[in-house]
PDB file of all heavy atoms in Angstrom:
ATOM      1  N   ASN A   1     -12.643 -19.222 -14.633  1.00  0.00           N
ATOM      2  CA  ASN A   1     -11.294 -19.777 -14.565  1.00  0.00           C
ATOM      3  C   ASN A   1     -10.249 -18.671 -14.465  1.00  0.00           C
ATOM      4  O   ASN A   1      -9.159 -18.768 -15.038  1.00  0.00           O
ATOM      5  CB  ASN A   1     -11.027 -20.677 -15.777  1.00  0.00           C
ATOM      6  CG  ASN A   1     -11.120 -19.929 -17.112  1.00  0.00           C
ATOM      7  OD1 ASN A   1     -11.632 -18.813 -17.178  1.00  0.00           O
ATOM      8  ND2 ASN A   1     -10.621 -20.562 -18.164  1.00  0.00           N
ATOM      9  N   ARG A   2     -10.532 -17.639 -13.703  1.00  0.00           N
ATOM     10  CA  ARG A   2      -9.590 -16.533 -13.518  1.00  0.00           C
ATOM     11  C   ARG A   2      -8.279 -16.997 -12.879  1.00  0.00           C
ATOM     12  O   ARG A   2      -7.194 -16.557 -13.250  1.00  0.00           O
ATOM     13  CB  ARG A   2     -10.206 -15.462 -12.612  1.00  0.00           C
ATOM     14  CG  ARG A   2     -11.393 -14.731 -13.173  1.00  0.00           C
ATOM     15  CD  ARG A   2     -11.914 -13.734 -12.153  1.00  0.00           C
ATOM     16  NE  ARG A   2     -13.058 -12.989 -12.648  1.00  0.00           N
ATOM     17  CZ  ARG A   2     -13.654 -12.013 -11.959  1.00  0.00           C
ATOM     18  NH1 ARG A   2     -13.222 -11.698 -10.751  1.00  0.00           N
ATOM     19  NH2 ARG A   2     -14.690 -11.375 -12.484  1.00  0.00           N
ATOM     20  N   ARG A   3      -8.380 -17.850 -11.875  1.00  0.00           N
ATOM     21  CA  ARG A   3      -7.214 -18.244 -11.074  1.00  0.00           C
ATOM     22  C   ARG A   3      -6.317 -19.219 -11.840  1.00  0.00           C
ATOM     23  O   ARG A   3      -5.097 -19.136 -11.781  1.00  0.00           O
ATOM     24  CB  ARG A   3      -7.688 -18.863  -9.759  1.00  0.00           C
ATOM     25  CG  ARG A   3      -6.590 -19.324  -8.811  1.00  0.00           C
ATOM     26  CD  ARG A   3      -7.199 -19.889  -7.533  1.00  0.00           C
ATOM     27  NE  ARG A   3      -8.140 -20.963  -7.814  1.00  0.00           N
ATOM     28  CZ  ARG A   3      -7.783 -22.249  -7.984  1.00  0.00           C
ATOM     29  NH1 ARG A   3      -6.517 -22.599  -7.898  1.00  0.00           N
ATOM     30  NH2 ARG A   3      -8.703 -23.172  -8.230  1.00  0.00           N
ATOM     31  N   GLU A   4      -6.937 -20.145 -12.546  1.00  0.00           N
ATOM     32  CA  GLU A   4      -6.203 -21.165 -13.291  1.00  0.00           C
ATOM     33  C   GLU A   4      -7.035 -21.535 -14.503  1.00  0.00           C
ATOM     34  O   GLU A   4      -8.207 -21.863 -14.363  1.00  0.00           O
ATOM     35  CB  GLU A   4      -5.957 -22.397 -12.413  1.00  0.00           C
ATOM     36  CG  GLU A   4      -5.196 -23.504 -13.109  1.00  0.00           C
ATOM     37  CD  GLU A   4      -5.039 -24.723 -12.213  1.00  0.00           C
ATOM     38  OE1 GLU A   4      -5.248 -24.610 -10.996  1.00  0.00           O
ATOM     39  OE2 GLU A   4      -4.726 -25.800 -12.763  1.00  0.00           O
ATOM     40  N   GLU A   5      -6.427 -21.503 -15.684  1.00  0.00           N
ATOM     41  CA  GLU A   5      -7.200 -21.641 -16.909  1.00  0.00           C
ATOM     42  C   GLU A   5      -7.952 -22.959 -16.997  1.00  0.00           C
ATOM     43  O   GLU A   5      -9.043 -23.027 -17.554  1.00  0.00           O
ATOM     44  CB  GLU A   5      -6.295 -21.482 -18.127  1.00  0.00           C
ATOM     45  CG  GLU A   5      -7.073 -21.425 -19.434  1.00  0.00           C
ATOM     46  CD  GLU A   5      -6.261 -20.892 -20.592  1.00  0.00           C
ATOM     47  OE1 GLU A   5      -5.602 -21.717 -21.248  1.00  0.00           O
ATOM     48  OE2 GLU A   5      -6.289 -19.669 -20.831  1.00  0.00           O
ATOM     49  N   ALA A   6      -7.414 -24.034 -16.427  1.00  0.00           N
ATOM     50  CA  ALA A   6      -8.039 -25.346 -16.558  1.00  0.00           C
ATOM     51  C   ALA A   6      -9.023 -25.649 -15.440  1.00  0.00           C
ATOM     52  O   ALA A   6      -9.603 -26.735 -15.412  1.00  0.00           O
ATOM     53  CB  ALA A   6      -6.965 -26.431 -16.593  1.00  0.00           C
ATOM     54  N   ALA A   7      -9.253 -24.729 -14.495  1.00  0.00           N
ATOM     55  CA  ALA A   7     -10.139 -24.985 -13.352  1.00  0.00           C
ATOM     56  C   ALA A   7     -11.084 -23.807 -13.160  1.00  0.00           C
ATOM     57  O   ALA A   7     -10.709 -22.642 -13.355  1.00  0.00           O
ATOM     58  CB  ALA A   7      -9.330 -25.215 -12.082  1.00  0.00           C
ATOM     59  N   PHE A   8     -12.319 -24.114 -12.743  1.00  0.00           N
ATOM     60  CA  PHE A   8     -13.325 -23.087 -12.519  1.00  0.00           C
ATOM     61  C   PHE A   8     -13.618 -22.959 -11.027  1.00  0.00           C
ATOM     62  O   PHE A   8     -13.845 -23.958 -10.348  1.00  0.00           O
ATOM     63  CB  PHE A   8     -14.609 -23.407 -13.287  1.00  0.00           C
ATOM     64  CG  PHE A   8     -14.504 -23.135 -14.758  1.00  0.00           C
ATOM     65  CD1 PHE A   8     -13.903 -24.067 -15.602  1.00  0.00           C
ATOM     66  CD2 PHE A   8     -14.958 -21.952 -15.294  1.00  0.00           C
ATOM     67  CE1 PHE A   8     -13.779 -23.819 -16.953  1.00  0.00           C
ATOM     68  CE2 PHE A   8     -14.838 -21.689 -16.652  1.00  0.00           C
ATOM     69  CZ  PHE A   8     -14.247 -22.625 -17.479  1.00  0.00           C
ATOM     70  N   ASP A   9     -13.609 -21.720 -10.558  1.00  0.00           N
ATOM     71  CA  ASP A   9     -13.967 -21.396  -9.179  1.00  0.00           C
ATOM     72  C   ASP A   9     -15.351 -20.768  -9.157  1.00  0.00           C
ATOM     73  O   ASP A   9     -15.865 -20.303 -10.184  1.00  0.00           O
ATOM     74  CB  ASP A   9     -12.955 -20.417  -8.580  1.00  0.00           C
ATOM     75  CG  ASP A   9     -11.531 -20.940  -8.605  1.00  0.00           C
ATOM     76  OD1 ASP A   9     -11.358 -22.159  -8.417  1.00  0.00           O
ATOM     77  OD2 ASP A   9     -10.601 -20.131  -8.815  1.00  0.00           O
ATOM     78  N   VAL A  10     -15.948 -20.709  -7.952  1.00  0.00           N
ATOM     79  CA  VAL A  10     -17.270 -20.126  -7.772  1.00  0.00           C
ATOM     80  C   VAL A  10     -17.126 -18.755  -7.111  1.00  0.00           C
ATOM     81  O   VAL A  10     -16.416 -18.615  -6.099  1.00  0.00           O
ATOM     82  CB  VAL A  10     -18.167 -21.038  -6.922  1.00  0.00           C
ATOM     83  CG1 VAL A  10     -19.532 -20.385  -6.704  1.00  0.00           C
ATOM     84  CG2 VAL A  10     -18.330 -22.402  -7.596  1.00  0.00           C
ATOM     85  N   TYR A  11     -17.797 -17.764  -7.669  1.00  0.00           N
ATOM     86  CA  TYR A  11     -17.740 -16.389  -7.174  1.00  0.00           C
ATOM     87  C   TYR A  11     -19.156 -15.876  -6.902  1.00  0.00           C
ATOM     88  O   TYR A  11     -20.117 -16.286  -7.564  1.00  0.00           O
ATOM     89  CB  TYR A  11     -17.093 -15.464  -8.211  1.00  0.00           C
ATOM     90  CG  TYR A  11     -15.632 -15.721  -8.495  1.00  0.00           C
ATOM     91  CD1 TYR A  11     -15.245 -16.716  -9.392  1.00  0.00           C
ATOM     92  CD2 TYR A  11     -14.648 -14.955  -7.879  1.00  0.00           C
ATOM     93  CE1 TYR A  11     -13.907 -16.952  -9.672  1.00  0.00           C
ATOM     94  CE2 TYR A  11     -13.299 -15.175  -8.154  1.00  0.00           C
ATOM     95  CZ  TYR A  11     -12.936 -16.172  -9.047  1.00  0.00           C
ATOM     96  OH  TYR A  11     -11.612 -16.394  -9.313  1.00  0.00           O
ATOM     97  N   VAL A  12     -19.247 -14.940  -5.953  1.00  0.00           N
ATOM     98  CA  VAL A  12     -20.470 -14.178  -5.711  1.00  0.00           C
ATOM     99  C   VAL A  12     -20.099 -12.704  -5.740  1.00  0.00           C
ATOM    100  O   VAL A  12     -19.059 -12.297  -5.200  1.00  0.00           O
ATOM    101  CB  VAL A  12     -21.113 -14.565  -4.362  1.00  0.00           C
ATOM    102  CG1 VAL A  12     -22.254 -13.601  -4.024  1.00  0.00           C
ATOM    103  CG2 VAL A  12     -21.627 -16.000  -4.407  1.00  0.00           C
ATOM    104  N   GLN A  13     -20.941 -11.893  -6.360  1.00  0.00           N
ATOM    105  CA  GLN A  13     -20.619 -10.478  -6.545  1.00  0.00           C
ATOM    106  C   GLN A  13     -21.862  -9.633  -6.319  1.00  0.00           C
ATOM    107  O   GLN A  13     -22.972 -10.027  -6.693  1.00  0.00           O
ATOM    108  CB  GLN A  13     -20.094 -10.264  -7.972  1.00  0.00           C
ATOM    109  CG  GLN A  13     -19.632  -8.850  -8.280  1.00  0.00           C
ATOM    110  CD  GLN A  13     -18.878  -8.791  -9.604  1.00  0.00           C
ATOM    111  OE1 GLN A  13     -18.162  -9.730  -9.962  1.00  0.00           O
ATOM    112  NE2 GLN A  13     -19.032  -7.687 -10.326  1.00  0.00           N
ATOM    113  N   ASP A  14     -21.686  -8.479  -5.683  1.00  0.00           N
ATOM    114  CA  ASP A  14     -22.779  -7.520  -5.542  1.00  0.00           C
ATOM    115  C   ASP A  14     -23.146  -6.968  -6.912  1.00  0.00           C
ATOM    116  O   ASP A  14     -22.284  -6.827  -7.790  1.00  0.00           O
ATOM    117  CB  ASP A  14     -22.382  -6.374  -4.618  1.00  0.00           C
ATOM    118  CG  ASP A  14     -22.244  -6.811  -3.169  1.00  0.00           C
ATOM    119  OD1 ASP A  14     -22.785  -7.879  -2.823  1.00  0.00           O
ATOM    120  OD2 ASP A  14     -21.585  -6.097  -2.397  1.00  0.00           O
ATOM    121  N   ARG A  15     -24.412  -6.624  -7.085  1.00  0.00           N
ATOM    122  CA  ARG A  15     -24.895  -6.173  -8.389  1.00  0.00           C
ATOM    123  C   ARG A  15     -24.161  -4.929  -8.882  1.00  0.00           C
ATOM    124  O   ARG A  15     -24.024  -4.717 -10.093  1.00  0.00           O
ATOM    125  CB  ARG A  15     -26.393  -5.881  -8.346  1.00  0.00           C
ATOM    126  CG  ARG A  15     -26.816  -4.843  -7.307  1.00  0.00           C
ATOM    127  CD  ARG A  15     -28.222  -4.330  -7.528  1.00  0.00           C
ATOM    128  NE  ARG A  15     -28.334  -3.507  -8.708  1.00  0.00           N
ATOM    129  CZ  ARG A  15     -27.982  -2.217  -8.753  1.00  0.00           C
ATOM    130  NH1 ARG A  15     -27.457  -1.603  -7.702  1.00  0.00           N
ATOM    131  NH2 ARG A  15     -28.154  -1.541  -9.871  1.00  0.00           N
ATOM    132  N   ASP A  16     -23.683  -4.074  -7.950  1.00  0.00           N
ATOM    133  CA  ASP A  16     -22.990  -2.851  -8.359  1.00  0.00           C
ATOM    134  C   ASP A  16     -21.478  -2.982  -8.255  1.00  0.00           C
ATOM    135  O   ASP A  16     -20.751  -2.002  -8.398  1.00  0.00           O
ATOM    136  CB  ASP A  16     -23.478  -1.651  -7.544  1.00  0.00           C
ATOM    137  CG  ASP A  16     -23.349  -1.866  -6.041  1.00  0.00           C
ATOM    138  OD1 ASP A  16     -22.935  -2.967  -5.622  1.00  0.00           O
ATOM    139  OD2 ASP A  16     -23.665  -0.930  -5.288  1.00  0.00           O
ATOM    140  N   GLY A  17     -20.992  -4.193  -7.999  1.00  0.00           N
ATOM    141  CA  GLY A  17     -19.552  -4.415  -7.974  1.00  0.00           C
ATOM    142  C   GLY A  17     -19.009  -4.618  -9.376  1.00  0.00           C
ATOM    143  O   GLY A  17     -19.742  -4.960 -10.310  1.00  0.00           O
ATOM    144  N   VAL A  18     -17.709  -4.416  -9.535  1.00  0.00           N
ATOM    145  CA  VAL A  18     -17.066  -4.633 -10.834  1.00  0.00           C
ATOM    146  C   VAL A  18     -15.719  -5.303 -10.615  1.00  0.00           C
ATOM    147  O   VAL A  18     -15.072  -5.141  -9.578  1.00  0.00           O
ATOM    148  CB  VAL A  18     -16.858  -3.315 -11.614  1.00  0.00           C
ATOM    149  CG1 VAL A  18     -18.191  -2.694 -11.995  1.00  0.00           C
ATOM    150  CG2 VAL A  18     -16.023  -2.330 -10.820  1.00  0.00           C
ATOM    151  N   GLY A  19     -15.313  -6.090 -11.615  1.00  0.00           N
ATOM    152  CA  GLY A  19     -13.976  -6.663 -11.636  1.00  0.00           C
ATOM    153  C   GLY A  19     -13.636  -7.483 -10.414  1.00  0.00           C
ATOM    154  O   GLY A  19     -14.280  -8.479 -10.095  1.00  0.00           O
ATOM    155  N   ASP A  20     -12.630  -7.030  -9.673  1.00  0.00           N
ATOM    156  CA  ASP A  20     -12.131  -7.773  -8.522  1.00  0.00           C
ATOM    157  C   ASP A  20     -13.018  -7.635  -7.294  1.00  0.00           C
ATOM    158  O   ASP A  20     -12.658  -8.157  -6.226  1.00  0.00           O
ATOM    159  CB  ASP A  20     -10.706  -7.319  -8.191  1.00  0.00           C
ATOM    160  CG  ASP A  20      -9.699  -7.737  -9.260  1.00  0.00           C
ATOM    161  OD1 ASP A  20      -9.925  -8.790  -9.881  1.00  0.00           O
ATOM    162  OD2 ASP A  20      -8.717  -7.007  -9.478  1.00  0.00           O
ATOM    163  N   ASP A  21     -14.159  -6.967  -7.396  1.00  0.00           N
ATOM    164  CA  ASP A  21     -15.105  -6.908  -6.272  1.00  0.00           C
ATOM    165  C   ASP A  21     -15.767  -8.256  -6.018  1.00  0.00           C
ATOM    166  O   ASP A  21     -16.377  -8.454  -4.964  1.00  0.00           O
ATOM    167  CB  ASP A  21     -16.196  -5.861  -6.543  1.00  0.00           C
ATOM    168  CG  ASP A  21     -15.643  -4.445  -6.540  1.00  0.00           C
ATOM    169  OD1 ASP A  21     -14.549  -4.241  -5.984  1.00  0.00           O
ATOM    170  OD2 ASP A  21     -16.296  -3.550  -7.113  1.00  0.00           O
ATOM    171  N   ALA A  22     -15.659  -9.188  -6.965  1.00  0.00           N
ATOM    172  CA  ALA A  22     -16.269 -10.503  -6.783  1.00  0.00           C
ATOM    173  C   ALA A  22     -15.563 -11.257  -5.659  1.00  0.00           C
ATOM    174  O   ALA A  22     -14.336 -11.212  -5.526  1.00  0.00           O
ATOM    175  CB  ALA A  22     -16.195 -11.304  -8.075  1.00  0.00           C
ATOM    176  N   GLU A  23     -16.350 -11.967  -4.852  1.00  0.00           N
ATOM    177  CA  GLU A  23     -15.809 -12.766  -3.748  1.00  0.00           C
ATOM    178  C   GLU A  23     -15.674 -14.214  -4.195  1.00  0.00           C
ATOM    179  O   GLU A  23     -16.644 -14.837  -4.629  1.00  0.00           O
ATOM    180  CB  GLU A  23     -16.732 -12.687  -2.535  1.00  0.00           C
ATOM    181  CG  GLU A  23     -16.267 -13.549  -1.367  1.00  0.00           C
ATOM    182  CD  GLU A  23     -17.271 -13.603  -0.228  1.00  0.00           C
ATOM    183  OE1 GLU A  23     -18.348 -12.972  -0.360  1.00  0.00           O
ATOM    184  OE2 GLU A  23     -16.973 -14.285   0.781  1.00  0.00           O
ATOM    185  N   LEU A  24     -14.476 -14.765  -4.078  1.00  0.00           N
ATOM    186  CA  LEU A  24     -14.259 -16.168  -4.380  1.00  0.00           C
ATOM    187  C   LEU A  24     -14.775 -16.989  -3.206  1.00  0.00           C
ATOM    188  O   LEU A  24     -14.242 -16.909  -2.096  1.00  0.00           O
ATOM    189  CB  LEU A  24     -12.770 -16.439  -4.626  1.00  0.00           C
ATOM    190  CG  LEU A  24     -12.397 -17.781  -5.255  1.00  0.00           C
ATOM    191  CD1 LEU A  24     -11.009 -17.702  -5.897  1.00  0.00           C
ATOM    192  CD2 LEU A  24     -12.401 -18.916  -4.239  1.00  0.00           C
ATOM    193  N   VAL A  25     -15.825 -17.768  -3.421  1.00  0.00           N
ATOM    194  CA  VAL A  25     -16.451 -18.513  -2.328  1.00  0.00           C
ATOM    195  C   VAL A  25     -16.106 -19.993  -2.361  1.00  0.00           C
ATOM    196  O   VAL A  25     -16.354 -20.718  -1.390  1.00  0.00           O
ATOM    197  CB  VAL A  25     -17.983 -18.333  -2.326  1.00  0.00           C
ATOM    198  CG1 VAL A  25     -18.344 -16.884  -2.034  1.00  0.00           C
ATOM    199  CG2 VAL A  25     -18.599 -18.784  -3.652  1.00  0.00           C
ATOM    200  N   HIS A  26     -15.541 -20.468  -3.472  1.00  0.00           N
ATOM    201  CA  HIS A  26     -15.081 -21.860  -3.517  1.00  0.00           C
ATOM    202  C   HIS A  26     -14.053 -22.019  -4.619  1.00  0.00           C
ATOM    203  O   HIS A  26     -14.270 -21.598  -5.757  1.00  0.00           O
ATOM    204  CB  HIS A  26     -16.234 -22.833  -3.777  1.00  0.00           C
ATOM    205  CG  HIS A  26     -15.775 -24.253  -3.948  1.00  0.00           C
ATOM    206  ND1 HIS A  26     -15.318 -25.013  -2.900  1.00  0.00           N
ATOM    207  CD2 HIS A  26     -15.662 -25.034  -5.064  1.00  0.00           C
ATOM    208  CE1 HIS A  26     -14.962 -26.206  -3.351  1.00  0.00           C
ATOM    209  NE2 HIS A  26     -15.159 -26.244  -4.650  1.00  0.00           N
ATOM    210  N   GLU A  27     -12.909 -22.623  -4.284  1.00  0.00           N
ATOM    211  CA  GLU A  27     -11.894 -22.937  -5.271  1.00  0.00           C
ATOM    212  C   GLU A  27     -12.156 -24.322  -5.836  1.00  0.00           C
ATOM    213  O   GLU A  27     -12.237 -25.299  -5.088  1.00  0.00           O
ATOM    214  CB  GLU A  27     -10.495 -22.881  -4.660  1.00  0.00           C
ATOM    215  CG  GLU A  27      -9.996 -21.476  -4.402  1.00  0.00           C
ATOM    216  CD  GLU A  27      -8.503 -21.445  -4.088  1.00  0.00           C
ATOM    217  OE1 GLU A  27      -7.861 -22.530  -4.168  1.00  0.00           O
ATOM    218  OE2 GLU A  27      -7.986 -20.366  -3.773  1.00  0.00           O
ATOM    219  N   GLY A  28     -12.276 -24.412  -7.144  1.00  0.00           N
ATOM    220  CA  GLY A  28     -12.529 -25.688  -7.790  1.00  0.00           C
ATOM    221  C   GLY A  28     -11.273 -26.238  -8.432  1.00  0.00           C
ATOM    222  O   GLY A  28     -10.244 -25.559  -8.520  1.00  0.00           O
ATOM    223  N   ASP A  29     -11.369 -27.470  -8.897  1.00  0.00           N
ATOM    224  CA  ASP A  29     -10.241 -28.075  -9.608  1.00  0.00           C
ATOM    225  C   ASP A  29     -10.695 -28.762 -10.883  1.00  0.00           C
ATOM    226  O   ASP A  29     -10.041 -29.672 -11.372  1.00  0.00           O
ATOM    227  CB  ASP A  29      -9.495 -29.062  -8.707  1.00  0.00           C
ATOM    228  CG  ASP A  29     -10.381 -30.197  -8.216  1.00  0.00           C
ATOM    229  OD1 ASP A  29     -11.574 -30.222  -8.593  1.00  0.00           O
ATOM    230  OD2 ASP A  29      -9.880 -31.051  -7.470  1.00  0.00           O
ATOM    231  N   GLY A  30     -11.848 -28.330 -11.405  1.00  0.00           N
ATOM    232  CA  GLY A  30     -12.356 -28.937 -12.627  1.00  0.00           C
ATOM    233  C   GLY A  30     -13.367 -28.040 -13.295  1.00  0.00           C
ATOM    234  O   GLY A  30     -13.370 -26.818 -13.125  1.00  0.00           O
ATOM    235  N   TRP A  31     -14.274 -28.673 -14.062  1.00  0.00           N
ATOM    236  CA  TRP A  31     -15.259 -27.956 -14.869  1.00  0.00           C
ATOM    237  C   TRP A  31     -16.505 -27.732 -14.016  1.00  0.00           C
ATOM    238  O   TRP A  31     -17.442 -28.522 -14.026  1.00  0.00           O
ATOM    239  CB  TRP A  31     -15.565 -28.779 -16.119  1.00  0.00           C
ATOM    240  CG  TRP A  31     -16.464 -28.123 -17.111  1.00  0.00           C
ATOM    241  CD1 TRP A  31     -17.807 -28.229 -17.175  1.00  0.00           C
ATOM    242  CD2 TRP A  31     -16.087 -27.280 -18.202  1.00  0.00           C
ATOM    243  NE1 TRP A  31     -18.310 -27.499 -18.222  1.00  0.00           N
ATOM    244  CE2 TRP A  31     -17.269 -26.907 -18.873  1.00  0.00           C
ATOM    245  CE3 TRP A  31     -14.864 -26.796 -18.672  1.00  0.00           C
ATOM    246  CZ2 TRP A  31     -17.258 -26.080 -19.994  1.00  0.00           C
ATOM    247  CZ3 TRP A  31     -14.862 -25.977 -19.788  1.00  0.00           C
ATOM    248  CH2 TRP A  31     -16.047 -25.620 -20.434  1.00  0.00           C
ATOM    249  N   LEU A  32     -16.524 -26.633 -13.264  1.00  0.00           N
ATOM    250  CA  LEU A  32     -17.642 -26.310 -12.391  1.00  0.00           C
ATOM    251  C   LEU A  32     -18.543 -25.269 -13.030  1.00  0.00           C
ATOM    252  O   LEU A  32     -18.089 -24.390 -13.766  1.00  0.00           O
ATOM    253  CB  LEU A  32     -17.148 -25.759 -11.048  1.00  0.00           C
ATOM    254  CG  LEU A  32     -16.270 -26.643 -10.169  1.00  0.00           C
ATOM    255  CD1 LEU A  32     -16.007 -25.952  -8.830  1.00  0.00           C
ATOM    256  CD2 LEU A  32     -16.894 -28.004  -9.952  1.00  0.00           C
ATOM    257  N   SER A  33     -19.825 -25.368 -12.723  1.00  0.00           N
ATOM    258  CA  SER A  33     -20.784 -24.325 -13.073  1.00  0.00           C
ATOM    259  C   SER A  33     -21.770 -24.184 -11.922  1.00  0.00           C
ATOM    260  O   SER A  33     -21.919 -25.091 -11.102  1.00  0.00           O
ATOM    261  CB  SER A  33     -21.517 -24.646 -14.378  1.00  0.00           C
ATOM    262  OG  SER A  33     -22.152 -25.903 -14.306  1.00  0.00           O
ATOM    263  N   VAL A  34     -22.423 -23.034 -11.860  1.00  0.00           N
ATOM    264  CA  VAL A  34     -23.389 -22.750 -10.799  1.00  0.00           C
ATOM    265  C   VAL A  34     -24.782 -22.871 -11.384  1.00  0.00           C
ATOM    266  O   VAL A  34     -25.084 -22.296 -12.436  1.00  0.00           O
ATOM    267  CB  VAL A  34     -23.175 -21.349 -10.208  1.00  0.00           C
ATOM    268  CG1 VAL A  34     -24.188 -21.079  -9.102  1.00  0.00           C
ATOM    269  CG2 VAL A  34     -21.753 -21.211  -9.668  1.00  0.00           C
ATOM    270  N   ALA A  35     -25.655 -23.630 -10.696  1.00  0.00           N
ATOM    271  CA  ALA A  35     -26.981 -23.937 -11.246  1.00  0.00           C
ATOM    272  C   ALA A  35     -28.111 -23.282 -10.473  1.00  0.00           C
ATOM    273  O   ALA A  35     -29.263 -23.663 -10.655  1.00  0.00           O
ATOM    274  CB  ALA A  35     -27.183 -25.446 -11.292  1.00  0.00           C
ATOM    275  N   GLY A  36     -27.820 -22.292  -9.630  1.00  0.00           N
ATOM    276  CA  GLY A  36     -28.908 -21.537  -9.027  1.00  0.00           C
ATOM    277  C   GLY A  36     -28.847 -21.438  -7.516  1.00  0.00           C
ATOM    278  O   GLY A  36     -28.265 -22.272  -6.828  1.00  0.00           O
ATOM    279  N   TRP A  37     -29.483 -20.373  -7.013  1.00  0.00           N
ATOM    280  CA  TRP A  37     -29.560 -20.092  -5.583  1.00  0.00           C
ATOM    281  C   TRP A  37     -30.744 -20.829  -4.969  1.00  0.00           C
ATOM    282  O   TRP A  37     -31.795 -20.981  -5.587  1.00  0.00           O
ATOM    283  CB  TRP A  37     -29.765 -18.599  -5.351  1.00  0.00           C
ATOM    284  CG  TRP A  37     -28.664 -17.716  -5.857  1.00  0.00           C
ATOM    285  CD1 TRP A  37     -28.348 -17.469  -7.162  1.00  0.00           C
ATOM    286  CD2 TRP A  37     -27.750 -16.952  -5.068  1.00  0.00           C
ATOM    287  NE1 TRP A  37     -27.296 -16.590  -7.231  1.00  0.00           N
ATOM    288  CE2 TRP A  37     -26.913 -16.248  -5.962  1.00  0.00           C
ATOM    289  CE3 TRP A  37     -27.570 -16.763  -3.697  1.00  0.00           C
ATOM    290  CZ2 TRP A  37     -25.906 -15.393  -5.538  1.00  0.00           C
ATOM    291  CZ3 TRP A  37     -26.567 -15.907  -3.265  1.00  0.00           C
ATOM    292  CH2 TRP A  37     -25.741 -15.233  -4.177  1.00  0.00           C
ATOM    293  N   SER A  38     -30.578 -21.227  -3.705  1.00  0.00           N
ATOM    294  CA  SER A  38     -31.684 -21.843  -2.976  1.00  0.00           C
ATOM    295  C   SER A  38     -32.764 -20.800  -2.708  1.00  0.00           C
ATOM    296  O   SER A  38     -32.508 -19.585  -2.774  1.00  0.00           O
ATOM    297  CB  SER A  38     -31.186 -22.419  -1.659  1.00  0.00           C
ATOM    298  OG  SER A  38     -30.721 -21.389  -0.800  1.00  0.00           O
TER     299      SER A  38
END
């Protein structure tokens, strides 16, 4: 919920990235969680 405290977005990050190196891949508007890669 970096962007908005009440909403969760989805991010992907390289293993050696830090902080803002994460890529925002989907903007959410609720209580989202990620349940695994295909």
